[in-house]
C-alpha atoms as a PDB file:
ATOM      1  CA  MET A   1     140.025  82.051  72.273  1.00  0.00           C
ATOM      2  CA  ASN A   2     136.309  82.267  71.420  1.00  0.00           C
ATOM      3  CA  LYS A   3     136.975  80.986  67.883  1.00  0.00           C
ATOM      4  CA  THR A   4     138.953  78.026  69.247  1.00  0.00           C
ATOM      5  CA  LEU A   5     136.150  77.168  71.675  1.00  0.00           C
ATOM      6  CA  ALA A   6     133.523  77.407  68.914  1.00  0.00           C
ATOM      7  CA  VAL A   7     135.571  75.141  66.631  1.00  0.00           C
ATOM      8  CA  ALA A   8     136.018  72.616  69.462  1.00  0.00           C
ATOM      9  CA  VAL A   9     132.291  72.566  70.230  1.00  0.00           C
ATOM     10  CA  LEU A  10     131.308  72.200  66.557  1.00  0.00           C
ATOM     11  CA  GLY A  11     133.909  69.470  66.074  1.00  0.00           C
ATOM     12  CA  THR A  12     132.579  67.544  69.067  1.00  0.00           C
ATOM     13  CA  LEU A  13     129.017  67.790  67.750  1.00  0.00           C
ATOM     14  CA  ALA A  14     130.069  66.616  64.301  1.00  0.00           C
ATOM     15  CA  LEU A  15     132.004  63.664  65.708  1.00  0.00           C
ATOM     16  CA  SER A  16     129.195  62.631  68.037  1.00  0.00           C
ATOM     17  CA  SER A  17     126.856  62.180  65.083  1.00  0.00           C
ATOM     18  CA  CYS A  18     129.288  59.944  63.164  1.00  0.00           C
ATOM     19  CA  SER A  19     131.067  56.685  63.826  1.00  0.00           C
ATOM     20  CA  ILE A  20     134.581  55.946  62.716  1.00  0.00           C
ATOM     21  CA  PHE A  21     133.038  54.786  59.447  1.00  0.00           C
ATOM     22  CA  GLY A  22     131.141  58.036  58.905  1.00  0.00           C
ATOM     23  CA  THR A  23     127.588  56.796  59.496  1.00  0.00           C
ATOM     24  CA  ARG A  24     125.261  58.853  61.645  1.00  0.00           C
ATOM     25  CA  SER A  25     123.627  57.659  64.830  1.00  0.00           C
ATOM     26  CA  ALA A  26     120.060  56.539  64.397  1.00  0.00           C
ATOM     27  CA  ALA A  27     117.125  55.173  66.356  1.00  0.00           C
ATOM     28  CA  VAL A  28     113.984  53.405  65.229  1.00  0.00           C
ATOM     29  CA  SER A  29     110.606  53.789  66.926  1.00  0.00           C
ATOM     30  CA  GLY A  30     107.132  52.377  66.621  1.00  0.00           C
ATOM     31  CA  GLN A  31     104.048  51.096  68.383  1.00  0.00           C
ATOM     32  CA  LEU A  32     103.399  47.586  69.699  1.00  0.00           C
ATOM     33  CA  LYS A  33      99.877  46.263  69.155  1.00  0.00           C
ATOM     34  CA  GLY A  34      98.191  43.111  70.445  1.00  0.00           C
ATOM     35  CA  PHE A  35     100.907  41.733  72.723  1.00  0.00           C
ATOM     36  CA  GLY A  36      99.822  40.360  76.085  1.00  0.00           C
ATOM     37  CA  ALA A  37     101.673  41.138  79.287  1.00  0.00           C
ATOM     38  CA  ASN A  38     103.770  38.707  81.312  1.00  0.00           C
ATOM     39  CA  GLN A  39     104.887  36.531  78.374  1.00  0.00           C
ATOM     40  CA  ASN A  40     108.685  36.933  78.759  1.00  0.00           C
ATOM     41  CA  LEU A  41     108.812  38.984  75.568  1.00  0.00           C
ATOM     42  CA  GLY A  42     111.888  40.439  73.960  1.00  0.00           C
ATOM     43  CA  LEU A  43     112.533  43.043  71.306  1.00  0.00           C
ATOM     44  CA  ALA A  44     115.502  42.432  69.007  1.00  0.00           C
ATOM     45  CA  ILE A  45     117.128  43.776  65.882  1.00  0.00           C
ATOM     46  CA  VAL A  46     117.954  40.752  63.755  1.00  0.00           C
ATOM     47  CA  GLY A  47     119.422  40.219  60.333  1.00  0.00           C
ATOM     48  CA  TYR A  48     116.868  39.339  57.677  1.00  0.00           C
ATOM     49  CA  ASN A  49     118.043  37.810  54.435  1.00  0.00           C
ATOM     50  CA  ASN A  50     116.356  35.392  52.039  1.00  0.00           C
ATOM     51  CA  GLY A  51     113.310  35.105  54.324  1.00  0.00           C
ATOM     52  CA  GLN A  52     115.390  34.024  57.341  1.00  0.00           C
ATOM     53  CA  TYR A  53     116.122  35.788  60.617  1.00  0.00           C
ATOM     54  CA  THR A  54     119.789  35.660  61.562  1.00  0.00           C
ATOM     55  CA  ASN A  55     121.218  36.161  65.011  1.00  0.00           C
ATOM     56  CA  ASP A  56     124.112  38.550  65.576  1.00  0.00           C
ATOM     57  CA  SER A  57     125.825  38.825  68.947  1.00  0.00           C
ATOM     58  CA  THR A  58     126.091  42.607  68.586  1.00  0.00           C
ATOM     59  CA  GLN A  59     122.363  43.203  68.125  1.00  0.00           C
ATOM     60  CA  VAL A  60     120.430  45.534  70.375  1.00  0.00           C
ATOM     61  CA  GLN A  61     117.884  43.726  72.542  1.00  0.00           C
ATOM     62  CA  VAL A  62     115.358  44.565  75.223  1.00  0.00           C
ATOM     63  CA  ILE A  63     113.767  41.921  77.426  1.00  0.00           C
ATOM     64  CA  ASP A  64     110.601  42.964  79.223  1.00  0.00           C
ATOM     65  CA  LYS A  65     107.965  40.625  80.603  1.00  0.00           C
ATOM     66  CA  PHE A  66     105.434  43.429  80.232  1.00  0.00           C
ATOM     67  CA  LEU A  67     106.330  44.685  76.747  1.00  0.00           C
ATOM     68  CA  THR A  68     103.459  46.964  75.716  1.00  0.00           C
ATOM     69  CA  GLY A  69     102.897  50.350  74.109  1.00  0.00           C
ATOM     70  CA  GLY A  70     105.712  51.817  72.079  1.00  0.00           C
ATOM     71  CA  PHE A  71     109.441  51.396  71.678  1.00  0.00           C
ATOM     72  CA  THR A  72     112.542  53.281  70.644  1.00  0.00           C
ATOM     73  CA  LEU A  73     115.774  51.407  69.919  1.00  0.00           C
ATOM     74  CA  THR A  74     119.160  52.909  69.197  1.00  0.00           C
ATOM     75  CA  LEU A  75     120.495  51.199  66.090  1.00  0.00           C
ATOM     76  CA  PRO A  76     124.001  49.741  66.263  1.00  0.00           C
ATOM     77  CA  ARG A  77     126.847  50.882  64.037  1.00  0.00           C
ATOM     78  CA  ASP A  78     128.965  47.764  64.546  1.00  0.00           C
ATOM     79  CA  VAL A  79     126.920  45.289  62.494  1.00  0.00           C
ATOM     80  CA  PRO A  80     127.489  44.209  58.887  1.00  0.00           C
ATOM     81  CA  TYR A  81     125.835  46.282  56.190  1.00  0.00           C
ATOM     82  CA  GLY A  82     122.591  44.644  55.090  1.00  0.00           C
ATOM     83  CA  THR A  83     118.890  44.285  55.839  1.00  0.00           C
ATOM     84  CA  TYR A  84     117.436  43.888  59.313  1.00  0.00           C
ATOM     85  CA  ARG A  85     114.113  43.740  61.114  1.00  0.00           C
ATOM     86  CA  VAL A  86     112.903  44.508  64.594  1.00  0.00           C
ATOM     87  CA  ILE A  87     111.012  41.548  66.039  1.00  0.00           C
ATOM     88  CA  VAL A  88     109.114  40.689  69.196  1.00  0.00           C
ATOM     89  CA  PHE A  89     110.005  37.202  70.385  1.00  0.00           C
ATOM     90  CA  ARG A  90     109.369  34.943  73.362  1.00  0.00           C
ATOM     91  CA  ASP A  91     112.620  34.352  75.245  1.00  0.00           C
ATOM     92  CA  ALA A  92     111.940  30.617  75.639  1.00  0.00           C
ATOM     93  CA  ASN A  93     115.382  29.712  76.977  1.00  0.00           C
ATOM     94  CA  ASN A  94     115.595  32.783  79.278  1.00  0.00           C
ATOM     95  CA  ASP A  95     119.060  33.774  78.057  1.00  0.00           C
ATOM     96  CA  GLY A  96     118.091  37.396  77.411  1.00  0.00           C
ATOM     97  CA  ARG A  97     118.740  37.159  73.650  1.00  0.00           C
ATOM     98  CA  TYR A  98     116.923  36.090  70.506  1.00  0.00           C
ATOM     99  CA  THR A  99     118.075  32.589  69.592  1.00  0.00           C
ATOM    100  CA  ALA A 100     117.249  31.084  66.202  1.00  0.00           C
ATOM    101  CA  GLY A 101     114.146  28.945  66.601  1.00  0.00           C
ATOM    102  CA  GLU A 102     112.560  30.951  69.426  1.00  0.00           C
ATOM    103  CA  PRO A 103     108.980  31.984  68.638  1.00  0.00           C
ATOM    104  CA  VAL A 104     108.752  35.278  66.731  1.00  0.00           C
ATOM    105  CA  LEU A 105     105.465  36.804  67.885  1.00  0.00           C
ATOM    106  CA  SER A 106     105.357  39.834  65.591  1.00  0.00           C
ATOM    107  CA  ARG A 107     104.032  39.641  62.063  1.00  0.00           C
ATOM    108  CA  ASP A 108     105.971  40.874  59.048  1.00  0.00           C
ATOM    109  CA  ASN A 109     105.244  44.598  58.768  1.00  0.00           C
ATOM    110  CA  GLY A 110     106.606  44.831  55.218  1.00  0.00           C
ATOM    111  CA  LYS A 111     109.515  47.042  56.257  1.00  0.00           C
ATOM    112  CA  PHE A 112     113.265  46.489  56.259  1.00  0.00           C
ATOM    113  CA  LEU A 113     115.820  48.357  58.292  1.00  0.00           C
ATOM    114  CA  VAL A 114     118.602  48.862  55.773  1.00  0.00           C
ATOM    115  CA  TYR A 115     122.157  49.599  56.918  1.00  0.00           C
ATOM    116  CA  SER A 116     124.037  50.956  53.898  1.00  0.00           C
ATOM    117  CA  GLN A 117     127.714  51.642  53.385  1.00  0.00           C
ATOM    118  CA  ARG A 118     126.885  54.018  50.531  1.00  0.00           C
ATOM    119  CA  ASP A 119     123.858  55.637  48.885  1.00  0.00           C
ATOM    120  CA  ASN A 120     121.621  53.265  46.865  1.00  0.00           C
ATOM    121  CA  GLN A 121     123.553  50.186  48.028  1.00  0.00           C
ATOM    122  CA  PHE A 122     120.613  47.808  48.551  1.00  0.00           C
ATOM    123  CA  PHE A 123     117.590  49.784  47.327  1.00  0.00           C
ATOM    124  CA  ALA A 124     117.350  52.902  45.161  1.00  0.00           C
ATOM    125  CA  GLY A 125     116.937  55.962  47.366  1.00  0.00           C
ATOM    126  CA  THR A 126     118.653  54.611  50.475  1.00  0.00           C
ATOM    127  CA  LYS A 127     121.401  56.748  51.972  1.00  0.00           C
ATOM    128  CA  LEU A 128     124.601  56.034  53.881  1.00  0.00           C
ATOM    129  CA  GLY A 129     123.702  54.652  57.325  1.00  0.00           C
ATOM    130  CA  TRP A 130     120.319  53.424  58.564  1.00  0.00           C
ATOM    131  CA  ASN A 131     117.122  53.645  56.468  1.00  0.00           C
ATOM    132  CA  ILE A 132     113.637  52.141  56.518  1.00  0.00           C
ATOM    133  CA  TYR A 133     112.503  50.579  53.249  1.00  0.00           C
ATOM    134  CA  ASN A 134     108.765  49.890  52.944  1.00  0.00           C
ATOM    135  CA  THR A 135     108.258  47.020  50.484  1.00  0.00           C
ATOM    136  CA  ALA A 136     104.556  47.831  49.963  1.00  0.00           C
ATOM    137  CA  ASN A 137     105.072  51.235  48.370  1.00  0.00           C
ATOM    138  CA  ARG A 138     108.886  51.403  48.029  1.00  0.00           C
ATOM    139  CA  ASP A 139     108.902  54.411  50.332  1.00  0.00           C
ATOM    140  CA  ILE A 140     112.230  55.121  52.026  1.00  0.00           C
ATOM    141  CA  GLN A 141     112.814  56.948  55.291  1.00  0.00           C
ATOM    142  CA  THR A 142     116.370  58.229  55.659  1.00  0.00           C
ATOM    143  CA  THR A 143     116.302  60.688  58.554  1.00  0.00           C
ATOM    144  CA  VAL A 144     113.440  60.109  61.008  1.00  0.00           C
ATOM    145  CA  LEU A 145     113.036  56.345  61.370  1.00  0.00           C
ATOM    146  CA  ASN A 146     109.587  56.068  62.906  1.00  0.00           C
ATOM    147  CA  ASN A 147     106.277  54.279  62.340  1.00  0.00           C
ATOM    148  CA  TYR A 148     108.010  50.897  62.503  1.00  0.00           C
ATOM    149  CA  ASP A 149     104.889  49.466  64.151  1.00  0.00           C
ATOM    150  CA  LEU A 150     104.744  45.810  65.189  1.00  0.00           C
ATOM    151  CA  GLU A 151     101.568  43.757  65.525  1.00  0.00           C
ATOM    152  CA  ALA A 152     101.184  40.428  67.278  1.00  0.00           C
ATOM    153  CA  VAL A 153     100.713  37.309  65.197  1.00  0.00           C
ATOM    154  CA  PRO A 154      97.167  36.061  65.857  1.00  0.00           C
ATOM    155  CA  ALA A 155      97.000  33.096  68.235  1.00  0.00           C
ATOM    156  CA  GLY A 156      97.228  29.753  66.460  1.00  0.00           C
ATOM    157  CA  GLN A 157      99.466  30.952  63.621  1.00  0.00           C
END
């Protein structure tokens, strides 16, 4: 009886850390710097390919008029494999989502969120699931996805 219970508990823990595709759950965190309050700001995970942000209806988003301090976002497992970014945007049309063309108020931090189907799929050193790839030094984070800090674009840019 005790062995059966132990196997059931371990099985539940193993399944809770994987999706049906075998990728582990992940979250990304960072600090927000230079954003003013009461600007109808949003935080979104968006596709980023060939220098363009792409909208995906399954992306995680947070809308907060008083977005300040830090953030932690759970990363989705139901998006296409590829490269993504977290952005701060002004929700100009008040629909609660990032829409292509809305002002992106965070500057490029030189980091990609990489969702890989297999090890080394997009960049050498990435692992199955979510990773952070830092373009400045080619550093890769595969387990703790933190220090994804976002700074405001200076006014007038």
